[in-house]
Amino acid sequence: MENSSKKNKNNKFLKKIQLRYLFIFYCFISFNLYPENTEISSAEFFGTDILGYWITNEKVGSEAIIELKRNLDTFEYYGVIAYIGFPEEGKKKVPILTEDPLIKTKIIYGFKYNYKNKKYLGGRVLDPTNGNIYYARLRVDNSGKLVLRGSLDPWSILGANRKWERVNPADLIKK
Protein backbone atom coordinates (compact mmCIF):
# COMPACT_ATOMS: atom_id res chain seq x y z
CA MET A 1 0.00 0.00 0.00
CA GLU A 2 2.71 2.36 0.94
CA ASN A 3 4.44 1.89 -2.39
CA SER A 4 1.34 2.72 -4.42
CA SER A 5 0.65 5.87 -2.40
CA LYS A 6 4.26 7.03 -2.97
CA LYS A 7 3.87 6.39 -6.70
CA ASN A 8 0.64 8.39 -6.80
CA LYS A 9 2.30 11.29 -4.97
CA ASN A 10 5.25 11.15 -7.36
CA ASN A 11 2.94 11.07 -10.39
CA LYS A 12 0.96 14.07 -9.10
CA PHE A 13 4.17 15.95 -8.41
CA LEU A 14 5.48 15.19 -11.92
CA LYS A 15 2.22 16.28 -13.52
CA LYS A 16 2.38 19.61 -11.65
CA ILE A 17 5.93 20.18 -12.86
CA GLN A 18 4.97 19.28 -16.42
CA LEU A 19 2.04 21.67 -16.34
CA ARG A 20 4.24 24.48 -15.02
CA TYR A 21 6.80 23.93 -17.76
CA LEU A 22 4.08 23.77 -20.40
CA PHE A 23 2.63 27.04 -19.12
CA ILE A 24 6.06 28.73 -19.15
CA PHE A 25 6.75 27.39 -22.64
CA TYR A 26 3.36 28.63 -23.87
CA CYS A 27 4.02 32.11 -22.44
CA PHE A 28 7.45 32.23 -24.01
CA ILE A 29 6.14 31.23 -27.43
CA SER A 30 3.13 33.54 -27.38
CA PHE A 31 5.19 36.58 -26.38
CA ASN A 32 7.68 35.96 -29.16
CA LEU A 33 5.04 35.39 -31.83
CA TYR A 34 3.12 38.56 -31.12
CA PRO A 35 5.38 41.61 -30.84
CA GLU A 36 4.37 44.54 -28.66
CA ASN A 37 3.81 46.87 -31.58
CA THR A 38 1.09 45.08 -33.50
CA GLU A 39 -0.20 48.25 -35.13
CA ILE A 40 1.53 48.04 -38.48
CA SER A 41 0.04 48.65 -41.87
CA SER A 42 -0.35 45.92 -44.42
CA ALA A 43 2.02 47.88 -46.66
CA GLU A 44 4.75 47.56 -44.04
CA PHE A 45 3.99 43.88 -43.44
CA PHE A 46 4.03 42.93 -47.11
CA GLY A 47 6.80 45.34 -48.07
CA THR A 48 4.79 47.44 -50.50
CA ASP A 49 5.40 50.80 -48.86
CA ILE A 50 8.13 51.69 -51.38
CA LEU A 51 6.21 50.93 -54.57
CA GLY A 52 5.49 53.95 -56.75
CA TYR A 53 7.33 57.03 -57.97
CA TRP A 54 10.22 58.73 -56.16
CA ILE A 55 12.22 61.79 -57.14
CA THR A 56 15.93 61.88 -56.51
CA ASN A 57 17.41 64.92 -54.81
CA GLU A 58 20.73 65.14 -56.56
CA LYS A 59 22.79 68.30 -56.60
CA VAL A 60 24.41 67.68 -59.98
CA GLY A 61 21.79 69.47 -62.08
CA SER A 62 19.44 66.74 -63.22
CA GLU A 63 16.82 64.90 -61.27
CA ALA A 64 15.27 61.58 -62.09
CA ILE A 65 11.90 60.18 -61.22
CA ILE A 66 12.36 56.52 -60.34
CA GLU A 67 9.51 54.02 -60.48
CA LEU A 68 9.92 51.27 -57.90
CA LYS A 69 8.31 47.96 -58.76
CA ARG A 70 8.17 44.39 -57.47
CA ASN A 71 8.79 41.30 -59.56
CA LEU A 72 5.85 39.04 -58.74
CA ASP A 73 7.75 35.88 -59.63
CA THR A 74 10.77 36.42 -57.37
CA PHE A 75 9.35 39.06 -54.97
CA GLU A 76 12.41 41.19 -55.60
CA TYR A 77 12.13 44.96 -55.75
CA TYR A 78 13.72 47.05 -58.48
CA GLY A 79 13.59 50.58 -59.81
CA VAL A 80 13.71 52.01 -63.31
CA ILE A 81 14.22 55.58 -64.45
CA ALA A 82 10.79 56.81 -65.51
CA TYR A 83 11.60 60.47 -66.24
CA ILE A 84 14.67 62.67 -66.31
CA GLY A 85 14.42 66.40 -65.89
CA PHE A 86 16.36 69.55 -65.25
CA PRO A 87 14.51 71.56 -62.62
CA GLU A 88 14.39 75.31 -62.95
CA GLU A 89 15.69 77.33 -60.02
CA GLY A 90 13.00 77.82 -57.35
CA LYS A 91 10.29 75.96 -59.28
CA LYS A 92 8.84 72.56 -58.66
CA LYS A 93 7.92 71.78 -62.27
CA VAL A 94 10.46 69.67 -64.16
CA PRO A 95 10.81 69.83 -67.93
CA ILE A 96 11.30 66.19 -68.86
CA LEU A 97 13.35 64.46 -71.48
CA THR A 98 11.53 61.69 -73.29
CA GLU A 99 14.28 60.63 -75.69
CA ASP A 100 17.05 60.11 -73.14
CA PRO A 101 18.78 56.70 -73.45
CA LEU A 102 18.73 56.26 -69.65
CA ILE A 103 14.93 56.14 -69.47
CA LYS A 104 13.70 52.64 -68.55
CA THR A 105 17.19 51.74 -67.27
CA LYS A 106 17.05 49.51 -64.21
CA ILE A 107 19.23 51.39 -61.70
CA ILE A 108 18.35 49.55 -58.49
CA TYR A 109 17.58 45.85 -58.32
CA GLY A 110 17.67 42.68 -56.26
CA PHE A 111 16.11 43.95 -53.02
CA LYS A 112 14.35 41.54 -50.67
CA TYR A 113 12.14 42.82 -47.85
CA ASN A 114 13.23 41.97 -44.30
CA TYR A 115 10.20 42.29 -42.03
CA LYS A 116 12.18 42.30 -38.76
CA ASN A 117 14.39 45.23 -39.77
CA LYS A 118 11.78 46.89 -42.00
CA LYS A 119 14.51 47.26 -44.60
CA TYR A 120 15.02 46.12 -48.14
CA LEU A 121 18.34 44.28 -48.21
CA GLY A 122 20.61 42.51 -50.66
CA GLY A 123 20.20 44.93 -53.53
CA ARG A 124 22.49 46.71 -55.93
CA VAL A 125 22.48 50.25 -57.25
CA LEU A 126 23.88 51.43 -60.58
CA ASP A 127 25.48 54.86 -60.72
CA PRO A 128 24.35 56.05 -64.15
CA THR A 129 27.04 58.74 -64.34
CA ASN A 130 29.98 56.31 -64.32
CA GLY A 131 28.42 52.84 -64.67
CA ASN A 132 29.68 51.50 -61.32
CA ILE A 133 27.51 49.07 -59.35
CA TYR A 134 27.38 49.28 -55.56
CA TYR A 135 25.79 47.29 -52.74
CA ALA A 136 22.57 48.91 -51.57
CA ARG A 137 19.86 48.94 -48.90
CA LEU A 138 16.51 50.71 -48.82
CA ARG A 139 14.25 51.83 -46.02
CA VAL A 140 11.50 54.37 -45.46
CA ASP A 141 12.33 56.80 -42.65
CA ASN A 142 9.88 58.41 -40.21
CA SER A 143 9.31 61.42 -42.46
CA GLY A 144 8.19 59.18 -45.34
CA LYS A 145 11.34 59.62 -47.42
CA LEU A 146 13.08 56.68 -49.01
CA VAL A 147 16.66 56.27 -47.81
CA LEU A 148 18.96 54.57 -50.30
CA ARG A 149 22.28 53.48 -48.81
CA GLY A 150 24.90 52.66 -51.40
CA SER A 151 28.17 51.18 -50.24
CA LEU A 152 31.38 49.58 -51.39
CA ASP A 153 30.97 46.64 -49.02
CA PRO A 154 28.01 44.34 -48.31
CA TRP A 155 27.87 45.45 -44.65
CA SER A 156 27.20 49.12 -45.52
CA ILE A 157 30.19 50.41 -43.60
CA LEU A 158 31.78 52.41 -46.42
CA GLY A 159 28.95 54.20 -48.16
CA ALA A 160 26.62 57.15 -48.47
CA ASN A 161 22.90 57.81 -48.07
CA ARG A 162 20.57 59.47 -50.56
CA LYS A 163 17.03 60.53 -49.67
CA TRP A 164 14.26 60.39 -52.23
CA GLU A 165 10.78 61.88 -51.91
CA ARG A 166 7.56 60.25 -53.04
CA VAL A 167 5.95 62.09 -55.95
CA ASN A 168 3.07 61.99 -58.33
CA PRO A 169 4.68 62.49 -61.75
CA ALA A 170 1.62 64.29 -63.12
CA ASP A 171 2.17 67.07 -60.57
CA LEU A 172 5.80 67.63 -61.55
CA ILE A 173 5.89 67.33 -65.30
CA LYS A 174 5.94 70.66 -67.11
CA LYS A 175 3.81 70.55 -70.23
C-alpha atoms as a PDB file:
ATOM      1  CA  MET A   1       0.000   0.000   0.000  1.00  0.00           C
ATOM      2  CA  GLU A   2       2.712   2.358   0.939  1.00  0.00           C
ATOM      3  CA  ASN A   3       4.437   1.885  -2.395  1.00  0.00           C
ATOM      4  CA  SER A   4       1.342   2.718  -4.423  1.00  0.00           C
ATOM      5  CA  SER A   5       0.653   5.874  -2.401  1.00  0.00           C
ATOM      6  CA  LYS A   6       4.256   7.026  -2.970  1.00  0.00           C
ATOM      7  CA  LYS A   7       3.872   6.392  -6.699  1.00  0.00           C
ATOM      8  CA  ASN A   8       0.638   8.393  -6.797  1.00  0.00           C
ATOM      9  CA  LYS A   9       2.299  11.288  -4.971  1.00  0.00           C
ATOM     10  CA  ASN A  10       5.254  11.154  -7.355  1.00  0.00           C
ATOM     11  CA  ASN A  11       2.943  11.071 -10.388  1.00  0.00           C
ATOM     12  CA  LYS A  12       0.959  14.071  -9.101  1.00  0.00           C
ATOM     13  CA  PHE A  13       4.166  15.951  -8.414  1.00  0.00           C
ATOM     14  CA  LEU A  14       5.484  15.190 -11.920  1.00  0.00           C
ATOM     15  CA  LYS A  15       2.216  16.283 -13.524  1.00  0.00           C
ATOM     16  CA  LYS A  16       2.381  19.610 -11.649  1.00  0.00           C
ATOM     17  CA  ILE A  17       5.929  20.177 -12.864  1.00  0.00           C
ATOM     18  CA  GLN A  18       4.974  19.275 -16.420  1.00  0.00           C
ATOM     19  CA  LEU A  19       2.040  21.673 -16.341  1.00  0.00           C
ATOM     20  CA  ARG A  20       4.236  24.482 -15.024  1.00  0.00           C
ATOM     21  CA  TYR A  21       6.797  23.933 -17.758  1.00  0.00           C
ATOM     22  CA  LEU A  22       4.084  23.771 -20.402  1.00  0.00           C
ATOM     23  CA  PHE A  23       2.628  27.038 -19.116  1.00  0.00           C
ATOM     24  CA  ILE A  24       6.059  28.731 -19.149  1.00  0.00           C
ATOM     25  CA  PHE A  25       6.751  27.389 -22.638  1.00  0.00           C
ATOM     26  CA  TYR A  26       3.365  28.632 -23.869  1.00  0.00           C
ATOM     27  CA  CYS A  27       4.017  32.107 -22.437  1.00  0.00           C
ATOM     28  CA  PHE A  28       7.445  32.232 -24.013  1.00  0.00           C
ATOM     29  CA  ILE A  29       6.144  31.230 -27.433  1.00  0.00           C
ATOM     30  CA  SER A  30       3.126  33.538 -27.379  1.00  0.00           C
ATOM     31  CA  PHE A  31       5.193  36.579 -26.377  1.00  0.00           C
ATOM     32  CA  ASN A  32       7.683  35.962 -29.156  1.00  0.00           C
ATOM     33  CA  LEU A  33       5.044  35.390 -31.826  1.00  0.00           C
ATOM     34  CA  TYR A  34       3.120  38.558 -31.125  1.00  0.00           C
ATOM     35  CA  PRO A  35       5.377  41.610 -30.840  1.00  0.00           C
ATOM     36  CA  GLU A  36       4.373  44.535 -28.658  1.00  0.00           C
ATOM     37  CA  ASN A  37       3.814  46.869 -31.585  1.00  0.00           C
ATOM     38  CA  THR A  38       1.086  45.077 -33.500  1.00  0.00           C
ATOM     39  CA  GLU A  39      -0.204  48.253 -35.125  1.00  0.00           C
ATOM     40  CA  ILE A  40       1.526  48.044 -38.481  1.00  0.00           C
ATOM     41  CA  SER A  41       0.044  48.653 -41.867  1.00  0.00           C
ATOM     42  CA  SER A  42      -0.350  45.915 -44.425  1.00  0.00           C
ATOM     43  CA  ALA A  43       2.024  47.880 -46.662  1.00  0.00           C
ATOM     44  CA  GLU A  44       4.754  47.555 -44.037  1.00  0.00           C
ATOM     45  CA  PHE A  45       3.985  43.884 -43.436  1.00  0.00           C
ATOM     46  CA  PHE A  46       4.027  42.930 -47.110  1.00  0.00           C
ATOM     47  CA  GLY A  47       6.800  45.336 -48.075  1.00  0.00           C
ATOM     48  CA  THR A  48       4.789  47.439 -50.500  1.00  0.00           C
ATOM     49  CA  ASP A  49       5.399  50.803 -48.864  1.00  0.00           C
ATOM     50  CA  ILE A  50       8.130  51.686 -51.384  1.00  0.00           C
ATOM     51  CA  LEU A  51       6.208  50.934 -54.571  1.00  0.00           C
ATOM     52  CA  GLY A  52       5.488  53.946 -56.746  1.00  0.00           C
ATOM     53  CA  TYR A  53       7.332  57.029 -57.974  1.00  0.00           C
ATOM     54  CA  TRP A  54      10.215  58.729 -56.164  1.00  0.00           C
ATOM     55  CA  ILE A  55      12.221  61.794 -57.138  1.00  0.00           C
ATOM     56  CA  THR A  56      15.934  61.880 -56.509  1.00  0.00           C
ATOM     57  CA  ASN A  57      17.414  64.920 -54.812  1.00  0.00           C
ATOM     58  CA  GLU A  58      20.732  65.143 -56.562  1.00  0.00           C
ATOM     59  CA  LYS A  59      22.786  68.302 -56.604  1.00  0.00           C
ATOM     60  CA  VAL A  60      24.411  67.677 -59.977  1.00  0.00           C
ATOM     61  CA  GLY A  61      21.794  69.470 -62.076  1.00  0.00           C
ATOM     62  CA  SER A  62      19.444  66.738 -63.225  1.00  0.00           C
ATOM     63  CA  GLU A  63      16.819  64.902 -61.270  1.00  0.00           C
ATOM     64  CA  ALA A  64      15.266  61.582 -62.088  1.00  0.00           C
ATOM     65  CA  ILE A  65      11.901  60.176 -61.216  1.00  0.00           C
ATOM     66  CA  ILE A  66      12.364  56.520 -60.339  1.00  0.00           C
ATOM     67  CA  GLU A  67       9.509  54.022 -60.478  1.00  0.00           C
ATOM     68  CA  LEU A  68       9.921  51.270 -57.901  1.00  0.00           C
ATOM     69  CA  LYS A  69       8.307  47.960 -58.761  1.00  0.00           C
ATOM     70  CA  ARG A  70       8.170  44.393 -57.475  1.00  0.00           C
ATOM     71  CA  ASN A  71       8.788  41.300 -59.559  1.00  0.00           C
ATOM     72  CA  LEU A  72       5.846  39.039 -58.739  1.00  0.00           C
ATOM     73  CA  ASP A  73       7.753  35.878 -59.631  1.00  0.00           C
ATOM     74  CA  THR A  74      10.769  36.419 -57.374  1.00  0.00           C
ATOM     75  CA  PHE A  75       9.346  39.059 -54.965  1.00  0.00           C
ATOM     76  CA  GLU A  76      12.406  41.191 -55.601  1.00  0.00           C
ATOM     77  CA  TYR A  77      12.130  44.956 -55.751  1.00  0.00           C
ATOM     78  CA  TYR A  78      13.717  47.052 -58.476  1.00  0.00           C
ATOM     79  CA  GLY A  79      13.591  50.585 -59.814  1.00  0.00           C
ATOM     80  CA  VAL A  80      13.707  52.012 -63.310  1.00  0.00           C
ATOM     81  CA  ILE A  81      14.224  55.582 -64.446  1.00  0.00           C
ATOM     82  CA  ALA A  82      10.793  56.812 -65.513  1.00  0.00           C
ATOM     83  CA  TYR A  83      11.603  60.469 -66.238  1.00  0.00           C
ATOM     84  CA  ILE A  84      14.673  62.671 -66.309  1.00  0.00           C
ATOM     85  CA  GLY A  85      14.424  66.401 -65.895  1.00  0.00           C
ATOM     86  CA  PHE A  86      16.363  69.552 -65.246  1.00  0.00           C
ATOM     87  CA  PRO A  87      14.506  71.555 -62.615  1.00  0.00           C
ATOM     88  CA  GLU A  88      14.387  75.311 -62.946  1.00  0.00           C
ATOM     89  CA  GLU A  89      15.688  77.328 -60.015  1.00  0.00           C
ATOM     90  CA  GLY A  90      13.004  77.821 -57.348  1.00  0.00           C
ATOM     91  CA  LYS A  91      10.292  75.964 -59.284  1.00  0.00           C
ATOM     92  CA  LYS A  92       8.838  72.557 -58.662  1.00  0.00           C
ATOM     93  CA  LYS A  93       7.918  71.776 -62.273  1.00  0.00           C
ATOM     94  CA  VAL A  94      10.459  69.671 -64.156  1.00  0.00           C
ATOM     95  CA  PRO A  95      10.806  69.831 -67.931  1.00  0.00           C
ATOM     96  CA  ILE A  96      11.299  66.189 -68.862  1.00  0.00           C
ATOM     97  CA  LEU A  97      13.353  64.455 -71.480  1.00  0.00           C
ATOM     98  CA  THR A  98      11.527  61.686 -73.289  1.00  0.00           C
ATOM     99  CA  GLU A  99      14.277  60.627 -75.690  1.00  0.00           C
ATOM    100  CA  ASP A 100      17.051  60.106 -73.144  1.00  0.00           C
ATOM    101  CA  PRO A 101      18.782  56.698 -73.454  1.00  0.00           C
ATOM    102  CA  LEU A 102      18.732  56.258 -69.654  1.00  0.00           C
ATOM    103  CA  ILE A 103      14.931  56.140 -69.473  1.00  0.00           C
ATOM    104  CA  LYS A 104      13.705  52.636 -68.546  1.00  0.00           C
ATOM    105  CA  THR A 105      17.188  51.739 -67.271  1.00  0.00           C
ATOM    106  CA  LYS A 106      17.054  49.515 -64.208  1.00  0.00           C
ATOM    107  CA  ILE A 107      19.225  51.387 -61.702  1.00  0.00           C
ATOM    108  CA  ILE A 108      18.350  49.555 -58.490  1.00  0.00           C
ATOM    109  CA  TYR A 109      17.576  45.848 -58.324  1.00  0.00           C
ATOM    110  CA  GLY A 110      17.670  42.679 -56.257  1.00  0.00           C
ATOM    111  CA  PHE A 111      16.108  43.953 -53.017  1.00  0.00           C
ATOM    112  CA  LYS A 112      14.351  41.537 -50.670  1.00  0.00           C
ATOM    113  CA  TYR A 113      12.138  42.817 -47.850  1.00  0.00           C
ATOM    114  CA  ASN A 114      13.232  41.969 -44.300  1.00  0.00           C
ATOM    115  CA  TYR A 115      10.203  42.286 -42.026  1.00  0.00           C
ATOM    116  CA  LYS A 116      12.181  42.302 -38.765  1.00  0.00           C
ATOM    117  CA  ASN A 117      14.392  45.232 -39.768  1.00  0.00           C
ATOM    118  CA  LYS A 118      11.780  46.889 -41.996  1.00  0.00           C
ATOM    119  CA  LYS A 119      14.506  47.264 -44.597  1.00  0.00           C
ATOM    120  CA  TYR A 120      15.015  46.120 -48.142  1.00  0.00           C
ATOM    121  CA  LEU A 121      18.339  44.282 -48.213  1.00  0.00           C
ATOM    122  CA  GLY A 122      20.612  42.511 -50.662  1.00  0.00           C
ATOM    123  CA  GLY A 123      20.196  44.926 -53.532  1.00  0.00           C
ATOM    124  CA  ARG A 124      22.491  46.706 -55.931  1.00  0.00           C
ATOM    125  CA  VAL A 125      22.478  50.252 -57.249  1.00  0.00           C
ATOM    126  CA  LEU A 126      23.876  51.426 -60.578  1.00  0.00           C
ATOM    127  CA  ASP A 127      25.479  54.856 -60.720  1.00  0.00           C
ATOM    128  CA  PRO A 128      24.353  56.055 -64.145  1.00  0.00           C
ATOM    129  CA  THR A 129      27.037  58.735 -64.343  1.00  0.00           C
ATOM    130  CA  ASN A 130      29.983  56.314 -64.320  1.00  0.00           C
ATOM    131  CA  GLY A 131      28.425  52.839 -64.674  1.00  0.00           C
ATOM    132  CA  ASN A 132      29.676  51.502 -61.317  1.00  0.00           C
ATOM    133  CA  ILE A 133      27.510  49.072 -59.351  1.00  0.00           C
ATOM    134  CA  TYR A 134      27.384  49.280 -55.559  1.00  0.00           C
ATOM    135  CA  TYR A 135      25.790  47.293 -52.737  1.00  0.00           C
ATOM    136  CA  ALA A 136      22.569  48.911 -51.568  1.00  0.00           C
ATOM    137  CA  ARG A 137      19.862  48.943 -48.902  1.00  0.00           C
ATOM    138  CA  LEU A 138      16.507  50.708 -48.822  1.00  0.00           C
ATOM    139  CA  ARG A 139      14.252  51.835 -46.020  1.00  0.00           C
ATOM    140  CA  VAL A 140      11.505  54.373 -45.456  1.00  0.00           C
ATOM    141  CA  ASP A 141      12.326  56.804 -42.650  1.00  0.00           C
ATOM    142  CA  ASN A 142       9.881  58.408 -40.206  1.00  0.00           C
ATOM    143  CA  SER A 143       9.308  61.421 -42.460  1.00  0.00           C
ATOM    144  CA  GLY A 144       8.193  59.181 -45.337  1.00  0.00           C
ATOM    145  CA  LYS A 145      11.339  59.618 -47.423  1.00  0.00           C
ATOM    146  CA  LEU A 146      13.076  56.682 -49.015  1.00  0.00           C
ATOM    147  CA  VAL A 147      16.664  56.275 -47.809  1.00  0.00           C
ATOM    148  CA  LEU A 148      18.957  54.571 -50.301  1.00  0.00           C
ATOM    149  CA  ARG A 149      22.280  53.480 -48.810  1.00  0.00           C
ATOM    150  CA  GLY A 150      24.895  52.663 -51.404  1.00  0.00           C
ATOM    151  CA  SER A 151      28.168  51.183 -50.242  1.00  0.00           C
ATOM    152  CA  LEU A 152      31.377  49.580 -51.387  1.00  0.00           C
ATOM    153  CA  ASP A 153      30.973  46.643 -49.016  1.00  0.00           C
ATOM    154  CA  PRO A 154      28.008  44.342 -48.309  1.00  0.00           C
ATOM    155  CA  TRP A 155      27.866  45.447 -44.645  1.00  0.00           C
ATOM    156  CA  SER A 156      27.199  49.124 -45.524  1.00  0.00           C
ATOM    157  CA  ILE A 157      30.189  50.409 -43.600  1.00  0.00           C
ATOM    158  CA  LEU A 158      31.779  52.413 -46.423  1.00  0.00           C
ATOM    159  CA  GLY A 159      28.950  54.198 -48.162  1.00  0.00           C
ATOM    160  CA  ALA A 160      26.620  57.147 -48.467  1.00  0.00           C
ATOM    161  CA  ASN A 161      22.895  57.813 -48.075  1.00  0.00           C
ATOM    162  CA  ARG A 162      20.569  59.469 -50.555  1.00  0.00           C
ATOM    163  CA  LYS A 163      17.030  60.526 -49.671  1.00  0.00           C
ATOM    164  CA  TRP A 164      14.262  60.386 -52.231  1.00  0.00           C
ATOM    165  CA  GLU A 165      10.783  61.883 -51.907  1.00  0.00           C
ATOM    166  CA  ARG A 166       7.559  60.249 -53.041  1.00  0.00           C
ATOM    167  CA  VAL A 167       5.947  62.088 -55.954  1.00  0.00           C
ATOM    168  CA  ASN A 168       3.072  61.992 -58.325  1.00  0.00           C
ATOM    169  CA  PRO A 169       4.684  62.487 -61.749  1.00  0.00           C
ATOM    170  CA  ALA A 170       1.624  64.293 -63.116  1.00  0.00           C
ATOM    171  CA  ASP A 171       2.167  67.070 -60.569  1.00  0.00           C
ATOM    172  CA  LEU A 172       5.797  67.625 -61.550  1.00  0.00           C
ATOM    173  CA  ILE A 173       5.895  67.328 -65.303  1.00  0.00           C
ATOM    174  CA  LYS A 174       5.939  70.663 -67.110  1.00  0.00           C
ATOM    175  CA  LYS A 175       3.813  70.550 -70.229  1.00  0.00           C
END
